[in-house]
Amino acid sequence: MKSNSQLKGLGTALITPFKADGSVDYDALARLLDTQLKGFVDYIVVLGTTGEAATLTPEEKKEVRQFIVNYVHTHPVPSLEGRPGGVLPLVLGVGGNNTAAVCAELAAMHGELIDNYAAILSVCPYYNKPNQEGLFQHFCAVAEASPIPVILYNVPGRTGVNLLPETVMRIYNAHPDKILGIKEASGNVEQIKHLIQLSNTPSLEGRDGEGFPPLLVISGDDGIACELMEAGAAGLISVASNAFPEDFYHIVHDKDAALQAKYAEMIRLLFAEGNPVGIKAVLAQKGIITNSLRLPLVPASQELQEKILRELGEI
C-alpha cells in the first residue's frame, strides 16, 4: 500500500545546472544538492519543469538521475522534527502529451523507479488540450503503468488545460492505491481549497474504510503556500527553495506567513521572465551555478538581474 508520510512538507523542484557551453555541470549540481541536504528540505523533485527536462537528451536524463541518486545515498540527512533522518526521498518527473510514450518510459524504468524514488510527478498533457475525460483516461493509464505512486501536476499556465477538482477525485477513486497527491499550480485559490475539502471528505469511495490515505494536495506556488497550508494543504513543491531552502522549510513547517511575506517580491522576480530563468539568476549571484540555460530559454535580462541583486540585499 502506498504511504504519503514521506512527501509532506517542503520539496524542492530542482534546477539542472549547465556550464557555459551548455553541458550539464555536475560540480555545480553537487554544490546545489549539498545546500538542499543541509537546508532541511523534506524531499527533492528531479527533472521536473524547473529542471529543464524538456531540453535534456535521454542519455543526459539518465546521467542526471544516477548522479542525484548516488549523491543522496552517500549523503544521508539528520533527523529533524517532522523529517526522519537517512536518505532524502526523491520524486521523479515523468510526464508528457503522448500517453503511450509516458507509459513506455515508466515500463523501461520499472526497476530504477522502485529502487530509488518515492513517487513520480506527472504533468497534465500539454498542447493537445484534452478535455476532462481525456485527462481522466490519461492519468488512469499512467497510474496503471507506474510501479510507484503518482503525484498529478496541474499547471494550466504551461499546459493549456486545467485539471478540475472533481476529475482529480475521480482519478483518485479509480486508483486509490497509486494516486498519492497533486501538485496544484493553477493559482486558483478557491479551486485548490475546494479540492482540499473534497480530498478530506471521509465518505468518498476508497477512503478510511479501505485503508487508503487521503490525497495530498501540495501547493505548486511559493507565494500562496501558507494560505493553502492553513486550508489543509500538505506542503509545497518550491522553486525558491533551490536558493533559500532553510527559510522555506520554516515557511512550510511553521506556516510562517510573515517570513513568506518577506519573500513576496523575490518570488515575483523569480517568475518575471519565466522559470527557471529567475532562480538560476539568484543561484548564480550566490555563486552556486553558472547562469546558463538551454534554448529556447535565455538568462535573465540585465534589468531583472539588477532587481534580483537588490532584493537579495534586502532579504
C-alpha atoms as a PDB file:
ATOM      1  CA  MET A   1       0.000   0.000   0.000  1.00  0.00           C
ATOM      2  CA  LYS A   2       1.236   3.500  -0.750  1.00  0.00           C
ATOM      3  CA  SER A   3       2.274   5.841   2.063  1.00  0.00           C
ATOM      4  CA  ASN A   4       2.146   9.610   1.818  1.00  0.00           C
ATOM      5  CA  SER A   5       4.085  10.374   5.001  1.00  0.00           C
ATOM      6  CA  GLN A   6       7.437  10.884   3.188  1.00  0.00           C
ATOM      7  CA  LEU A   7       6.165  13.598   0.897  1.00  0.00           C
ATOM      8  CA  LYS A   8       4.631  16.081   3.277  1.00  0.00           C
ATOM      9  CA  GLY A   9       6.374  19.366   3.943  1.00  0.00           C
ATOM     10  CA  LEU A  10       8.880  21.042   1.620  1.00  0.00           C
ATOM     11  CA  GLY A  11      10.004  19.611  -1.692  1.00  0.00           C
ATOM     12  CA  THR A  12      12.463  21.437  -3.947  1.00  0.00           C
ATOM     13  CA  ALA A  13      11.813  21.435  -7.691  1.00  0.00           C
ATOM     14  CA  LEU A  14      15.500  21.092  -8.502  1.00  0.00           C
ATOM     15  CA  ILE A  15      17.118  23.052 -11.333  1.00  0.00           C
ATOM     16  CA  THR A  16      19.676  21.454 -13.663  1.00  0.00           C
ATOM     17  CA  PRO A  17      22.910  23.493 -13.753  1.00  0.00           C
ATOM     18  CA  PHE A  18      24.653  23.934 -17.101  1.00  0.00           C
ATOM     19  CA  LYS A  19      28.146  25.073 -17.972  1.00  0.00           C
ATOM     20  CA  ALA A  20      28.702  27.991 -20.345  1.00  0.00           C
ATOM     21  CA  ASP A  21      28.953  25.517 -23.239  1.00  0.00           C
ATOM     22  CA  GLY A  22      25.519  24.073 -22.390  1.00  0.00           C
ATOM     23  CA  SER A  23      26.693  20.757 -20.934  1.00  0.00           C
ATOM     24  CA  VAL A  24      25.420  19.584 -17.544  1.00  0.00           C
ATOM     25  CA  ASP A  25      27.581  20.988 -14.724  1.00  0.00           C
ATOM     26  CA  TYR A  26      27.890  18.151 -12.223  1.00  0.00           C
ATOM     27  CA  ASP A  27      30.190  20.095  -9.886  1.00  0.00           C
ATOM     28  CA  ALA A  28      27.506  22.769  -9.580  1.00  0.00           C
ATOM     29  CA  LEU A  29      24.844  20.094  -9.169  1.00  0.00           C
ATOM     30  CA  ALA A  30      26.802  18.649  -6.239  1.00  0.00           C
ATOM     31  CA  ARG A  31      27.051  22.121  -4.639  1.00  0.00           C
ATOM     32  CA  LEU A  32      23.320  22.640  -5.101  1.00  0.00           C
ATOM     33  CA  LEU A  33      22.450  19.240  -3.650  1.00  0.00           C
ATOM     34  CA  ASP A  34      24.684  19.965  -0.679  1.00  0.00           C
ATOM     35  CA  THR A  35      22.721  23.150   0.100  1.00  0.00           C
ATOM     36  CA  GLN A  36      19.470  21.203  -0.145  1.00  0.00           C
ATOM     37  CA  LEU A  37      20.586  18.425   2.183  1.00  0.00           C
ATOM     38  CA  LYS A  38      21.806  20.997   4.717  1.00  0.00           C
ATOM     39  CA  GLY A  39      18.773  23.231   4.241  1.00  0.00           C
ATOM     40  CA  PHE A  40      16.170  20.951   5.825  1.00  0.00           C
ATOM     41  CA  VAL A  41      14.125  20.148   2.710  1.00  0.00           C
ATOM     42  CA  ASP A  42      11.920  17.055   3.061  1.00  0.00           C
ATOM     43  CA  TYR A  43      12.344  15.728  -0.481  1.00  0.00           C
ATOM     44  CA  ILE A  44      13.657  16.686  -3.918  1.00  0.00           C
ATOM     45  CA  VAL A  45      11.841  16.670  -7.258  1.00  0.00           C
ATOM     46  CA  VAL A  46      14.210  15.571 -10.016  1.00  0.00           C
ATOM     47  CA  LEU A  47      13.856  16.502 -13.716  1.00  0.00           C
ATOM     48  CA  GLY A  48      10.629  18.425 -13.486  1.00  0.00           C
ATOM     49  CA  THR A  49       9.787  21.536 -15.478  1.00  0.00           C
ATOM     50  CA  THR A  50      12.169  23.593 -13.325  1.00  0.00           C
ATOM     51  CA  GLY A  51      14.911  21.113 -14.200  1.00  0.00           C
ATOM     52  CA  GLU A  52      14.550  21.919 -17.925  1.00  0.00           C
ATOM     53  CA  ALA A  53      13.910  18.237 -18.591  1.00  0.00           C
ATOM     54  CA  ALA A  54      12.366  19.057 -21.966  1.00  0.00           C
ATOM     55  CA  THR A  55      15.781  20.100 -23.312  1.00  0.00           C
ATOM     56  CA  LEU A  56      17.827  17.178 -21.946  1.00  0.00           C
ATOM     57  CA  THR A  57      18.570  14.144 -24.083  1.00  0.00           C
ATOM     58  CA  PRO A  58      17.529  10.691 -22.780  1.00  0.00           C
ATOM     59  CA  GLU A  59      21.195   9.953 -22.053  1.00  0.00           C
ATOM     60  CA  GLU A  60      21.602  13.184 -20.096  1.00  0.00           C
ATOM     61  CA  LYS A  61      18.441  12.487 -18.102  1.00  0.00           C
ATOM     62  CA  LYS A  62      19.787   9.074 -17.149  1.00  0.00           C
ATOM     63  CA  GLU A  63      23.147  10.529 -16.101  1.00  0.00           C
ATOM     64  CA  VAL A  64      21.480  13.289 -14.037  1.00  0.00           C
ATOM     65  CA  ARG A  65      19.210  10.749 -12.347  1.00  0.00           C
ATOM     66  CA  GLN A  66      22.143   8.482 -11.492  1.00  0.00           C
ATOM     67  CA  PHE A  67      24.230  11.378 -10.176  1.00  0.00           C
ATOM     68  CA  ILE A  68      21.451  12.631  -7.884  1.00  0.00           C
ATOM     69  CA  VAL A  69      20.552   9.157  -6.619  1.00  0.00           C
ATOM     70  CA  ASN A  70      24.216   8.412  -5.846  1.00  0.00           C
ATOM     71  CA  TYR A  71      24.661  11.767  -4.113  1.00  0.00           C
ATOM     72  CA  VAL A  72      21.673  11.489  -1.778  1.00  0.00           C
ATOM     73  CA  HIS A  73      22.502   7.864  -0.956  1.00  0.00           C
ATOM     74  CA  THR A  74      26.029   8.823   0.084  1.00  0.00           C
ATOM     75  CA  HIS A  75      24.955  11.962   1.979  1.00  0.00           C
ATOM     76  CA  PRO A  76      22.241  10.938   4.495  1.00  0.00           C
ATOM     77  CA  VAL A  77      20.498  13.734   6.345  1.00  0.00           C
ATOM     78  CA  PRO A  78      19.993  14.052  10.121  1.00  0.00           C
ATOM     79  CA  SER A  79      16.536  13.674  11.610  1.00  0.00           C
ATOM     80  CA  LEU A  80      14.542  16.818  12.302  1.00  0.00           C
ATOM     81  CA  GLU A  81      11.164  17.436  13.825  1.00  0.00           C
ATOM     82  CA  GLY A  82       8.788  16.370  11.056  1.00  0.00           C
ATOM     83  CA  ARG A  83      11.514  14.708   8.974  1.00  0.00           C
ATOM     84  CA  PRO A  84      13.182  11.342   9.578  1.00  0.00           C
ATOM     85  CA  GLY A  85      16.896  11.042   9.021  1.00  0.00           C
ATOM     86  CA  GLY A  86      18.555   8.921   6.377  1.00  0.00           C
ATOM     87  CA  VAL A  87      18.334   9.029   2.605  1.00  0.00           C
ATOM     88  CA  LEU A  88      16.308  12.016   1.425  1.00  0.00           C
ATOM     89  CA  PRO A  89      13.282  10.911  -0.643  1.00  0.00           C
ATOM     90  CA  LEU A  90      13.279  11.669  -4.359  1.00  0.00           C
ATOM     91  CA  VAL A  91      10.380  12.297  -6.752  1.00  0.00           C
ATOM     92  CA  LEU A  92      10.988  11.941 -10.484  1.00  0.00           C
ATOM     93  CA  GLY A  93       9.274  13.996 -13.169  1.00  0.00           C
ATOM     94  CA  VAL A  94       7.782  11.649 -15.774  1.00  0.00           C
ATOM     95  CA  GLY A  95       5.108  13.169 -17.979  1.00  0.00           C
ATOM     96  CA  GLY A  96       4.211  14.242 -21.464  1.00  0.00           C
ATOM     97  CA  ASN A  97       1.472  14.665 -24.025  1.00  0.00           C
ATOM     98  CA  ASN A  98       1.774  11.198 -25.568  1.00  0.00           C
ATOM     99  CA  THR A  99       0.154   8.779 -23.132  1.00  0.00           C
ATOM    100  CA  ALA A 100       1.629   5.677 -24.746  1.00  0.00           C
ATOM    101  CA  ALA A 101       5.138   7.176 -24.656  1.00  0.00           C
ATOM    102  CA  VAL A 102       4.818   8.108 -20.961  1.00  0.00           C
ATOM    103  CA  CYS A 103       3.658   4.579 -20.123  1.00  0.00           C
ATOM    104  CA  ALA A 104       6.515   3.083 -22.155  1.00  0.00           C
ATOM    105  CA  GLU A 105       9.022   5.295 -20.331  1.00  0.00           C
ATOM    106  CA  LEU A 106       7.646   4.127 -16.984  1.00  0.00           C
ATOM    107  CA  ALA A 107       7.894   0.494 -18.064  1.00  0.00           C
ATOM    108  CA  ALA A 108      11.504   0.983 -19.183  1.00  0.00           C
ATOM    109  CA  MET A 109      12.450   2.461 -15.784  1.00  0.00           C
ATOM    110  CA  HIS A 110      10.479  -0.067 -13.730  1.00  0.00           C
ATOM    111  CA  GLY A 111      13.336  -1.321 -11.548  1.00  0.00           C
ATOM    112  CA  GLU A 112      15.041   2.056 -11.286  1.00  0.00           C
ATOM    113  CA  LEU A 113      11.829   3.668 -10.051  1.00  0.00           C
ATOM    114  CA  ILE A 114      11.166   1.026  -7.424  1.00  0.00           C
ATOM    115  CA  ASP A 115      14.737   1.170  -6.116  1.00  0.00           C
ATOM    116  CA  ASN A 116      15.230   4.931  -5.985  1.00  0.00           C
ATOM    117  CA  TYR A 117      12.058   7.021  -5.966  1.00  0.00           C
ATOM    118  CA  ALA A 118       9.160   7.602  -3.605  1.00  0.00           C
ATOM    119  CA  ALA A 119       6.840   8.757  -6.393  1.00  0.00           C
ATOM    120  CA  ILE A 120       6.671  10.210  -9.879  1.00  0.00           C
ATOM    121  CA  LEU A 121       5.376  13.687 -10.672  1.00  0.00           C
ATOM    122  CA  SER A 122       3.348  13.615 -13.870  1.00  0.00           C
ATOM    123  CA  VAL A 123       2.205  16.819 -15.541  1.00  0.00           C
ATOM    124  CA  CYS A 124      -1.062  17.233 -17.413  1.00  0.00           C
ATOM    125  CA  PRO A 125      -0.638  16.631 -21.150  1.00  0.00           C
ATOM    126  CA  TYR A 126       0.332  19.918 -22.773  1.00  0.00           C
ATOM    127  CA  TYR A 127      -0.553  21.453 -26.140  1.00  0.00           C
ATOM    128  CA  ASN A 128      -3.056  18.686 -27.051  1.00  0.00           C
ATOM    129  CA  LYS A 129      -5.628  20.327 -24.709  1.00  0.00           C
ATOM    130  CA  PRO A 130      -7.588  17.175 -23.772  1.00  0.00           C
ATOM    131  CA  ASN A 131     -10.960  17.529 -22.068  1.00  0.00           C
ATOM    132  CA  GLN A 132     -11.641  16.233 -18.547  1.00  0.00           C
ATOM    133  CA  GLU A 133     -12.437  12.727 -19.808  1.00  0.00           C
ATOM    134  CA  GLY A 134      -9.159  12.666 -21.732  1.00  0.00           C
ATOM    135  CA  LEU A 135      -7.268  13.780 -18.622  1.00  0.00           C
ATOM    136  CA  PHE A 136      -9.009  11.096 -16.582  1.00  0.00           C
ATOM    137  CA  GLN A 137      -8.110   8.347 -19.018  1.00  0.00           C
ATOM    138  CA  HIS A 138      -4.526   9.619 -19.435  1.00  0.00           C
ATOM    139  CA  PHE A 139      -3.814   9.563 -15.709  1.00  0.00           C
ATOM    140  CA  CYS A 140      -5.536   6.224 -15.230  1.00  0.00           C
ATOM    141  CA  ALA A 141      -3.165   4.799 -17.846  1.00  0.00           C
ATOM    142  CA  VAL A 142      -0.179   6.426 -16.104  1.00  0.00           C
ATOM    143  CA  ALA A 143      -1.295   5.037 -12.726  1.00  0.00           C
ATOM    144  CA  GLU A 144      -1.613   1.541 -14.183  1.00  0.00           C
ATOM    145  CA  ALA A 145       1.823   1.760 -15.829  1.00  0.00           C
ATOM    146  CA  SER A 146       3.719   3.225 -12.891  1.00  0.00           C
ATOM    147  CA  PRO A 147       5.265   0.792 -10.410  1.00  0.00           C
ATOM    148  CA  ILE A 148       5.356   3.538  -7.748  1.00  0.00           C
ATOM    149  CA  PRO A 149       2.875   6.175  -6.511  1.00  0.00           C
ATOM    150  CA  VAL A 150       1.893   9.078  -8.752  1.00  0.00           C
ATOM    151  CA  ILE A 151       1.602  12.781  -7.945  1.00  0.00           C
ATOM    152  CA  LEU A 152      -0.520  14.596 -10.514  1.00  0.00           C
ATOM    153  CA  TYR A 153       0.654  18.041 -11.620  1.00  0.00           C
ATOM    154  CA  ASN A 154      -1.830  20.728 -12.615  1.00  0.00           C
ATOM    155  CA  VAL A 155      -0.216  23.827 -14.146  1.00  0.00           C
ATOM    156  CA  PRO A 156      -2.639  25.360 -16.673  1.00  0.00           C
ATOM    157  CA  GLY A 157      -0.331  28.277 -17.427  1.00  0.00           C
ATOM    158  CA  ARG A 158       2.100  25.844 -19.059  1.00  0.00           C
ATOM    159  CA  THR A 159      -0.180  23.098 -20.347  1.00  0.00           C
ATOM    160  CA  GLY A 160      -3.280  24.952 -21.564  1.00  0.00           C
ATOM    161  CA  VAL A 161      -5.626  22.639 -19.605  1.00  0.00           C
ATOM    162  CA  ASN A 162      -6.986  22.815 -16.072  1.00  0.00           C
ATOM    163  CA  LEU A 163      -7.430  19.558 -14.138  1.00  0.00           C
ATOM    164  CA  LEU A 164     -10.637  20.187 -12.188  1.00  0.00           C
ATOM    165  CA  PRO A 165     -11.127  19.023  -8.572  1.00  0.00           C
ATOM    166  CA  GLU A 166     -13.902  16.584  -9.472  1.00  0.00           C
ATOM    167  CA  THR A 167     -11.680  14.979 -12.111  1.00  0.00           C
ATOM    168  CA  VAL A 168      -8.800  14.741  -9.634  1.00  0.00           C
ATOM    169  CA  MET A 169     -11.032  12.867  -7.191  1.00  0.00           C
ATOM    170  CA  ARG A 170     -12.376  10.673  -9.958  1.00  0.00           C
ATOM    171  CA  ILE A 171      -8.790   9.691 -10.853  1.00  0.00           C
ATOM    172  CA  TYR A 172      -8.001   9.076  -7.193  1.00  0.00           C
ATOM    173  CA  ASN A 173     -11.094   6.958  -6.652  1.00  0.00           C
ATOM    174  CA  ALA A 174     -10.248   4.868  -9.728  1.00  0.00           C
ATOM    175  CA  HIS A 175      -6.699   4.208  -8.437  1.00  0.00           C
ATOM    176  CA  PRO A 176      -6.535   4.958  -4.682  1.00  0.00           C
ATOM    177  CA  ASP A 177      -3.613   2.549  -4.363  1.00  0.00           C
ATOM    178  CA  LYS A 178      -1.485   4.557  -6.817  1.00  0.00           C
ATOM    179  CA  ILE A 179      -2.540   8.231  -6.799  1.00  0.00           C
ATOM    180  CA  LEU A 180      -0.645   9.829  -3.926  1.00  0.00           C
ATOM    181  CA  GLY A 181      -1.400  13.501  -4.425  1.00  0.00           C
ATOM    182  CA  ILE A 182      -1.410  16.509  -6.701  1.00  0.00           C
ATOM    183  CA  LYS A 183       0.906  19.453  -7.137  1.00  0.00           C
ATOM    184  CA  GLU A 184      -1.578  22.260  -7.702  1.00  0.00           C
ATOM    185  CA  ALA A 185      -0.126  25.252  -9.550  1.00  0.00           C
ATOM    186  CA  SER A 186      -3.282  26.650 -11.126  1.00  0.00           C
ATOM    187  CA  GLY A 187      -3.057  29.756  -8.939  1.00  0.00           C
ATOM    188  CA  ASN A 188      -6.823  29.482  -8.392  1.00  0.00           C
ATOM    189  CA  VAL A 189      -7.017  29.557  -4.591  1.00  0.00           C
ATOM    190  CA  GLU A 190     -10.731  28.815  -4.429  1.00  0.00           C
ATOM    191  CA  GLN A 191     -10.357  25.828  -6.762  1.00  0.00           C
ATOM    192  CA  ILE A 192      -7.490  24.456  -4.687  1.00  0.00           C
ATOM    193  CA  LYS A 193      -9.373  24.952  -1.411  1.00  0.00           C
ATOM    194  CA  HIS A 194     -12.354  23.134  -2.920  1.00  0.00           C
ATOM    195  CA  LEU A 195     -10.051  20.255  -3.864  1.00  0.00           C
ATOM    196  CA  ILE A 196      -8.620  20.162  -0.321  1.00  0.00           C
ATOM    197  CA  GLN A 197     -12.169  19.943   1.010  1.00  0.00           C
ATOM    198  CA  LEU A 198     -13.021  17.106  -1.373  1.00  0.00           C
ATOM    199  CA  SER A 199      -9.807  15.261  -0.578  1.00  0.00           C
ATOM    200  CA  ASN A 200     -10.613  15.211   3.122  1.00  0.00           C
ATOM    201  CA  THR A 201     -14.198  14.004   2.843  1.00  0.00           C
ATOM    202  CA  PRO A 202     -14.232  10.627   4.649  1.00  0.00           C
ATOM    203  CA  SER A 203     -17.325   9.320   2.870  1.00  0.00           C
ATOM    204  CA  LEU A 204     -15.697   9.292  -0.551  1.00  0.00           C
ATOM    205  CA  GLU A 205     -15.002   5.936  -2.162  1.00  0.00           C
ATOM    206  CA  GLY A 206     -11.577   4.479  -1.425  1.00  0.00           C
ATOM    207  CA  ARG A 207     -11.125   6.220   1.905  1.00  0.00           C
ATOM    208  CA  ASP A 208     -10.558   5.212   5.503  1.00  0.00           C
ATOM    209  CA  GLY A 209     -12.582   2.026   5.366  1.00  0.00           C
ATOM    210  CA  GLU A 210     -10.317   0.633   2.658  1.00  0.00           C
ATOM    211  CA  GLY A 211      -7.111   1.824   4.307  1.00  0.00           C
ATOM    212  CA  PHE A 212      -6.059   4.384   1.707  1.00  0.00           C
ATOM    213  CA  PRO A 213      -4.627   7.682   2.976  1.00  0.00           C
ATOM    214  CA  PRO A 214      -6.282  10.931   1.843  1.00  0.00           C
ATOM    215  CA  LEU A 215      -4.998  12.577  -1.311  1.00  0.00           C
ATOM    216  CA  LEU A 216      -2.147  15.015  -0.671  1.00  0.00           C
ATOM    217  CA  VAL A 217      -2.836  18.473  -2.071  1.00  0.00           C
ATOM    218  CA  ILE A 218       0.540  20.182  -2.466  1.00  0.00           C
ATOM    219  CA  SER A 219       0.994  23.847  -3.302  1.00  0.00           C
ATOM    220  CA  GLY A 220       2.925  24.419  -6.511  1.00  0.00           C
ATOM    221  CA  ASP A 221       3.123  28.157  -5.876  1.00  0.00           C
ATOM    222  CA  ASP A 222       5.671  29.650  -3.463  1.00  0.00           C
ATOM    223  CA  GLY A 223       3.599  32.785  -2.949  1.00  0.00           C
ATOM    224  CA  ILE A 224       0.428  31.176  -1.574  1.00  0.00           C
ATOM    225  CA  ALA A 225       1.858  28.217   0.321  1.00  0.00           C
ATOM    226  CA  CYS A 226       0.905  29.443   3.805  1.00  0.00           C
ATOM    227  CA  GLU A 227      -2.665  30.263   2.801  1.00  0.00           C
ATOM    228  CA  LEU A 228      -3.120  26.831   1.271  1.00  0.00           C
ATOM    229  CA  MET A 229      -1.490  25.050   4.204  1.00  0.00           C
ATOM    230  CA  GLU A 230      -3.807  26.854   6.600  1.00  0.00           C
ATOM    231  CA  ALA A 231      -6.621  25.416   4.470  1.00  0.00           C
ATOM    232  CA  GLY A 232      -5.199  21.907   4.778  1.00  0.00           C
ATOM    233  CA  ALA A 233      -2.594  21.534   2.025  1.00  0.00           C
ATOM    234  CA  ALA A 234       0.165  19.021   2.757  1.00  0.00           C
ATOM    235  CA  GLY A 235       3.123  21.219   1.835  1.00  0.00           C
ATOM    236  CA  LEU A 236       4.892  22.980  -1.010  1.00  0.00           C
ATOM    237  CA  ILE A 237       6.932  21.957  -4.031  1.00  0.00           C
ATOM    238  CA  SER A 238       9.074  25.048  -4.285  1.00  0.00           C
ATOM    239  CA  VAL A 239      11.235  26.779  -6.862  1.00  0.00           C
ATOM    240  CA  ALA A 240      12.548  29.368  -4.403  1.00  0.00           C
ATOM    241  CA  SER A 241      13.910  26.686  -2.051  1.00  0.00           C
ATOM    242  CA  ASN A 242      16.661  25.976  -4.597  1.00  0.00           C
ATOM    243  CA  ALA A 243      18.248  29.162  -3.242  1.00  0.00           C
ATOM    244  CA  PHE A 244      16.579  29.582   0.162  1.00  0.00           C
ATOM    245  CA  PRO A 245      15.936  26.067   1.497  1.00  0.00           C
ATOM    246  CA  GLU A 246      16.151  26.808   5.212  1.00  0.00           C
ATOM    247  CA  ASP A 247      13.788  29.793   5.154  1.00  0.00           C
ATOM    248  CA  PHE A 248      11.251  27.939   3.039  1.00  0.00           C
ATOM    249  CA  TYR A 249      11.479  24.947   5.367  1.00  0.00           C
ATOM    250  CA  HIS A 250      10.333  27.274   8.160  1.00  0.00           C
ATOM    251  CA  ILE A 251       7.682  28.879   5.968  1.00  0.00           C
ATOM    252  CA  VAL A 252       6.193  25.444   5.336  1.00  0.00           C
ATOM    253  CA  HIS A 253       6.687  23.721   8.681  1.00  0.00           C
ATOM    254  CA  ASP A 254       5.915  26.751  10.855  1.00  0.00           C
ATOM    255  CA  LYS A 255       3.308  28.202   8.461  1.00  0.00           C
ATOM    256  CA  ASP A 256       5.287  31.426   8.842  1.00  0.00           C
ATOM    257  CA  ALA A 257       3.249  33.928   6.834  1.00  0.00           C
ATOM    258  CA  ALA A 258       5.490  36.823   7.907  1.00  0.00           C
ATOM    259  CA  LEU A 259       8.580  35.081   6.540  1.00  0.00           C
ATOM    260  CA  GLN A 260       6.721  34.246   3.327  1.00  0.00           C
ATOM    261  CA  ALA A 261       5.709  37.910   3.011  1.00  0.00           C
ATOM    262  CA  LYS A 262       9.389  38.864   3.307  1.00  0.00           C
ATOM    263  CA  TYR A 263       9.986  36.862   0.122  1.00  0.00           C
ATOM    264  CA  ALA A 264       6.967  38.186  -1.793  1.00  0.00           C
ATOM    265  CA  GLU A 265       8.954  40.490  -4.083  1.00  0.00           C
ATOM    266  CA  MET A 266      11.684  37.909  -4.654  1.00  0.00           C
ATOM    267  CA  ILE A 267       9.066  35.322  -5.626  1.00  0.00           C
ATOM    268  CA  ARG A 268       7.582  37.802  -8.089  1.00  0.00           C
ATOM    269  CA  LEU A 269      11.015  38.434  -9.602  1.00  0.00           C
ATOM    270  CA  LEU A 270      11.752  34.703  -9.883  1.00  0.00           C
ATOM    271  CA  PHE A 271       8.918  34.278 -12.366  1.00  0.00           C
ATOM    272  CA  ALA A 272       9.036  37.678 -14.091  1.00  0.00           C
ATOM    273  CA  GLU A 273      10.821  36.257 -17.156  1.00  0.00           C
ATOM    274  CA  GLY A 274       9.821  32.619 -16.776  1.00  0.00           C
ATOM    275  CA  ASN A 275      11.016  29.638 -14.785  1.00  0.00           C
ATOM    276  CA  PRO A 276      13.809  28.651 -14.128  1.00  0.00           C
ATOM    277  CA  VAL A 277      15.219  31.927 -15.503  1.00  0.00           C
ATOM    278  CA  GLY A 278      14.831  33.830 -12.235  1.00  0.00           C
ATOM    279  CA  ILE A 279      16.007  31.138  -9.848  1.00  0.00           C
ATOM    280  CA  LYS A 280      19.096  30.461 -11.962  1.00  0.00           C
ATOM    281  CA  ALA A 281      19.947  34.161 -11.782  1.00  0.00           C
ATOM    282  CA  VAL A 282      19.682  34.007  -7.980  1.00  0.00           C
ATOM    283  CA  LEU A 283      21.792  30.864  -7.727  1.00  0.00           C
ATOM    284  CA  ALA A 284      24.431  32.386  -9.997  1.00  0.00           C
ATOM    285  CA  GLN A 285      24.589  35.509  -7.842  1.00  0.00           C
ATOM    286  CA  LYS A 286      25.022  33.271  -4.794  1.00  0.00           C
ATOM    287  CA  GLY A 287      27.970  31.573  -6.530  1.00  0.00           C
ATOM    288  CA  ILE A 288      26.406  28.100  -6.718  1.00  0.00           C
ATOM    289  CA  ILE A 289      25.956  27.778 -10.500  1.00  0.00           C
ATOM    290  CA  THR A 290      26.783  29.450 -13.796  1.00  0.00           C
ATOM    291  CA  ASN A 291      23.836  31.424 -15.161  1.00  0.00           C
ATOM    292  CA  SER A 292      23.281  29.183 -18.195  1.00  0.00           C
ATOM    293  CA  LEU A 293      20.050  27.856 -19.692  1.00  0.00           C
ATOM    294  CA  ARG A 294      19.212  25.926 -22.838  1.00  0.00           C
ATOM    295  CA  LEU A 295      17.303  27.448 -25.703  1.00  0.00           C
ATOM    296  CA  PRO A 296      14.561  28.419 -26.078  1.00  0.00           C
ATOM    297  CA  LEU A 297      15.194  29.809 -22.571  1.00  0.00           C
ATOM    298  CA  VAL A 298      17.804  32.535 -22.138  1.00  0.00           C
ATOM    299  CA  PRO A 299      19.333  34.074 -18.990  1.00  0.00           C
ATOM    300  CA  ALA A 300      17.546  36.859 -17.154  1.00  0.00           C
ATOM    301  CA  SER A 301      17.842  40.341 -18.604  1.00  0.00           C
ATOM    302  CA  GLN A 302      20.350  42.702 -17.051  1.00  0.00           C
ATOM    303  CA  GLU A 303      17.469  44.733 -15.611  1.00  0.00           C
ATOM    304  CA  LEU A 304      16.000  41.685 -13.872  1.00  0.00           C
ATOM    305  CA  GLN A 305      19.380  40.580 -12.579  1.00  0.00           C
ATOM    306  CA  GLU A 306      19.929  44.006 -11.032  1.00  0.00           C
ATOM    307  CA  LYS A 307      16.492  43.879  -9.367  1.00  0.00           C
ATOM    308  CA  ILE A 308      17.234  40.402  -8.023  1.00  0.00           C
ATOM    309  CA  LEU A 309      20.598  41.550  -6.672  1.00  0.00           C
ATOM    310  CA  ARG A 310      18.935  44.483  -4.849  1.00  0.00           C
ATOM    311  CA  GLU A 311      16.263  42.197  -3.431  1.00  0.00           C
ATOM    312  CA  LEU A 312      18.890  39.714  -2.251  1.00  0.00           C
ATOM    313  CA  GLY A 313      20.398  42.582  -0.285  1.00  0.00           C
ATOM    314  CA  GLU A 314      17.006  43.384   1.240  1.00  0.00           C
ATOM    315  CA  ILE A 315      16.309  39.842   2.441  1.00  0.00           C
END
